[in-house]
Amino acid sequence: MAVKHIQYETSGTCSRLIDVTADENNIIQQVFFLGGCNGNLQGISRLVCGQHIDDVISKIRGIKCGAKTTSCPDQLANALEQLKNAKAE
């Protein structure tokens, strides 16, 4: 099975990097966050695994964290947009 992979450097959040893998059908296989609120981000990672990229993007795009203009879920949506357009290897 071919997979797609991205390491996305976040901006404006406590997490610094999101590592995401999806299959050729855009089903998310793994998500790892570097930095940020470990428990919350583990929860997000487990919830999105097995989901279609487009479904996840539509649910988490635009979420803000306090007074910040973005959040870890919003940054994950950005990463998933890039991953969706990547070629499977």
C-alpha atoms as a PDB file:
ATOM      1  CA  MET A   1       0.000   0.000   0.000  1.00  0.00           C
ATOM      2  CA  ALA A   2       1.367   3.400  -0.968  1.00  0.00           C
ATOM      3  CA  VAL A   3       1.580   6.066   1.701  1.00  0.00           C
ATOM      4  CA  LYS A   4       1.939   9.840   1.906  1.00  0.00           C
ATOM      5  CA  HIS A   5       3.979  11.509   4.627  1.00  0.00           C
ATOM      6  CA  ILE A   6       4.612  15.070   5.744  1.00  0.00           C
ATOM      7  CA  GLN A   7       6.461  16.826   8.547  1.00  0.00           C
ATOM      8  CA  TYR A   8       4.722  20.163   8.958  1.00  0.00           C
ATOM      9  CA  GLU A   9       6.364  22.977  10.942  1.00  0.00           C
ATOM     10  CA  THR A  10       3.616  24.740  12.875  1.00  0.00           C
ATOM     11  CA  SER A  11       3.236  28.470  13.362  1.00  0.00           C
ATOM     12  CA  GLY A  12       1.618  30.297  16.274  1.00  0.00           C
ATOM     13  CA  THR A  13       1.162  27.253  18.528  1.00  0.00           C
ATOM     14  CA  CYS A  14       2.938  25.521  21.390  1.00  0.00           C
ATOM     15  CA  SER A  15       3.523  22.461  19.220  1.00  0.00           C
ATOM     16  CA  ARG A  16       6.458  22.872  16.859  1.00  0.00           C
ATOM     17  CA  LEU A  17       5.976  20.065  14.344  1.00  0.00           C
ATOM     18  CA  ILE A  18       3.255  17.692  13.145  1.00  0.00           C
ATOM     19  CA  ASP A  19       4.235  14.393  11.529  1.00  0.00           C
ATOM     20  CA  VAL A  20       1.356  12.861   9.521  1.00  0.00           C
ATOM     21  CA  THR A  21       1.007   9.738   7.383  1.00  0.00           C
ATOM     22  CA  ALA A  22      -1.978   8.809   5.188  1.00  0.00           C
ATOM     23  CA  ASP A  23      -2.647   6.078   2.654  1.00  0.00           C
ATOM     24  CA  GLU A  24      -3.255   6.624  -1.067  1.00  0.00           C
ATOM     25  CA  ASN A  25      -7.003   6.967  -0.358  1.00  0.00           C
ATOM     26  CA  ASN A  26      -6.339   9.925   2.002  1.00  0.00           C
ATOM     27  CA  ILE A  27      -7.147   7.923   5.127  1.00  0.00           C
ATOM     28  CA  ILE A  28      -5.014   9.158   8.038  1.00  0.00           C
ATOM     29  CA  GLN A  29      -2.771   6.425   9.430  1.00  0.00           C
ATOM     30  CA  GLN A  30      -0.642   8.222  12.048  1.00  0.00           C
ATOM     31  CA  VAL A  31      -0.306  11.670  13.601  1.00  0.00           C
ATOM     32  CA  PHE A  32       2.444  12.781  15.983  1.00  0.00           C
ATOM     33  CA  PHE A  33       2.879  16.251  17.489  1.00  0.00           C
ATOM     34  CA  LEU A  34       6.196  17.574  18.776  1.00  0.00           C
ATOM     35  CA  GLY A  35       5.595  19.919  21.702  1.00  0.00           C
ATOM     36  CA  GLY A  36       2.268  21.246  22.882  1.00  0.00           C
ATOM     37  CA  CYS A  37      -0.216  19.773  25.367  1.00  0.00           C
ATOM     38  CA  ASN A  38       0.750  16.111  25.254  1.00  0.00           C
ATOM     39  CA  GLY A  39      -2.496  14.582  26.519  1.00  0.00           C
ATOM     40  CA  ASN A  40      -4.768  16.699  24.337  1.00  0.00           C
ATOM     41  CA  LEU A  41      -2.652  16.133  21.241  1.00  0.00           C
ATOM     42  CA  GLN A  42      -2.510  12.373  21.826  1.00  0.00           C
ATOM     43  CA  GLY A  43      -6.301  12.460  21.999  1.00  0.00           C
ATOM     44  CA  ILE A  44      -6.592  14.394  18.750  1.00  0.00           C
ATOM     45  CA  SER A  45      -4.142  12.016  17.089  1.00  0.00           C
ATOM     46  CA  ARG A  46      -6.143   8.946  18.092  1.00  0.00           C
ATOM     47  CA  LEU A  47      -9.458  10.501  17.091  1.00  0.00           C
ATOM     48  CA  VAL A  48      -8.332  11.410  13.566  1.00  0.00           C
ATOM     49  CA  CYS A  49      -6.576   8.123  12.737  1.00  0.00           C
ATOM     50  CA  GLY A  50      -8.708   6.092  10.354  1.00  0.00           C
ATOM     51  CA  GLN A  51     -10.587   9.205   9.200  1.00  0.00           C
ATOM     52  CA  HIS A  52     -10.583  10.707   5.705  1.00  0.00           C
ATOM     53  CA  ILE A  53      -8.443  13.841   5.407  1.00  0.00           C
ATOM     54  CA  ASP A  54     -11.330  15.953   4.061  1.00  0.00           C
ATOM     55  CA  ASP A  55     -13.627  14.973   6.958  1.00  0.00           C
ATOM     56  CA  VAL A  56     -11.013  15.973   9.520  1.00  0.00           C
ATOM     57  CA  ILE A  57     -10.170  19.258   7.792  1.00  0.00           C
ATOM     58  CA  SER A  58     -13.841  20.286   7.709  1.00  0.00           C
ATOM     59  CA  LYS A  59     -14.182  19.661  11.450  1.00  0.00           C
ATOM     60  CA  ILE A  60     -11.004  21.321  12.763  1.00  0.00           C
ATOM     61  CA  ARG A  61     -10.194  24.165  10.343  1.00  0.00           C
ATOM     62  CA  GLY A  62     -10.478  27.564  12.018  1.00  0.00           C
ATOM     63  CA  ILE A  63     -10.330  26.417  15.648  1.00  0.00           C
ATOM     64  CA  LYS A  64      -8.541  29.041  17.756  1.00  0.00           C
ATOM     65  CA  CYS A  65      -6.655  28.656  21.026  1.00  0.00           C
ATOM     66  CA  GLY A  66      -7.506  31.478  23.420  1.00  0.00           C
ATOM     67  CA  ALA A  67      -6.486  34.832  21.923  1.00  0.00           C
ATOM     68  CA  LYS A  68      -4.280  33.163  19.281  1.00  0.00           C
ATOM     69  CA  THR A  69      -5.381  33.236  15.647  1.00  0.00           C
ATOM     70  CA  THR A  70      -4.731  29.492  15.271  1.00  0.00           C
ATOM     71  CA  SER A  71      -4.490  26.281  17.306  1.00  0.00           C
ATOM     72  CA  CYS A  72      -2.893  22.852  17.090  1.00  0.00           C
ATOM     73  CA  PRO A  73      -6.027  21.432  15.415  1.00  0.00           C
ATOM     74  CA  ASP A  74      -6.047  24.335  12.920  1.00  0.00           C
ATOM     75  CA  GLN A  75      -2.379  23.711  12.182  1.00  0.00           C
ATOM     76  CA  LEU A  76      -3.172  20.013  11.685  1.00  0.00           C
ATOM     77  CA  ALA A  77      -5.781  21.061   9.097  1.00  0.00           C
ATOM     78  CA  ASN A  78      -3.033  22.997   7.269  1.00  0.00           C
ATOM     79  CA  ALA A  79      -0.742  19.956   7.394  1.00  0.00           C
ATOM     80  CA  LEU A  80      -3.524  17.718   6.073  1.00  0.00           C
ATOM     81  CA  GLU A  81      -4.176  20.100   3.158  1.00  0.00           C
ATOM     82  CA  GLN A  82      -0.524  19.779   2.149  1.00  0.00           C
ATOM     83  CA  LEU A  83      -0.572  16.016   2.670  1.00  0.00           C
ATOM     84  CA  LYS A  84      -3.735  15.626   0.584  1.00  0.00           C
ATOM     85  CA  ASN A  85      -1.942  17.164  -2.388  1.00  0.00           C
ATOM     86  CA  ALA A  86       1.249  15.126  -1.934  1.00  0.00           C
ATOM     87  CA  LYS A  87       2.028  12.132  -4.126  1.00  0.00           C
ATOM     88  CA  ALA A  88       1.862   8.674  -2.574  1.00  0.00           C
ATOM     89  CA  GLU A  89       5.146   6.757  -2.455  1.00  0.00           C
END
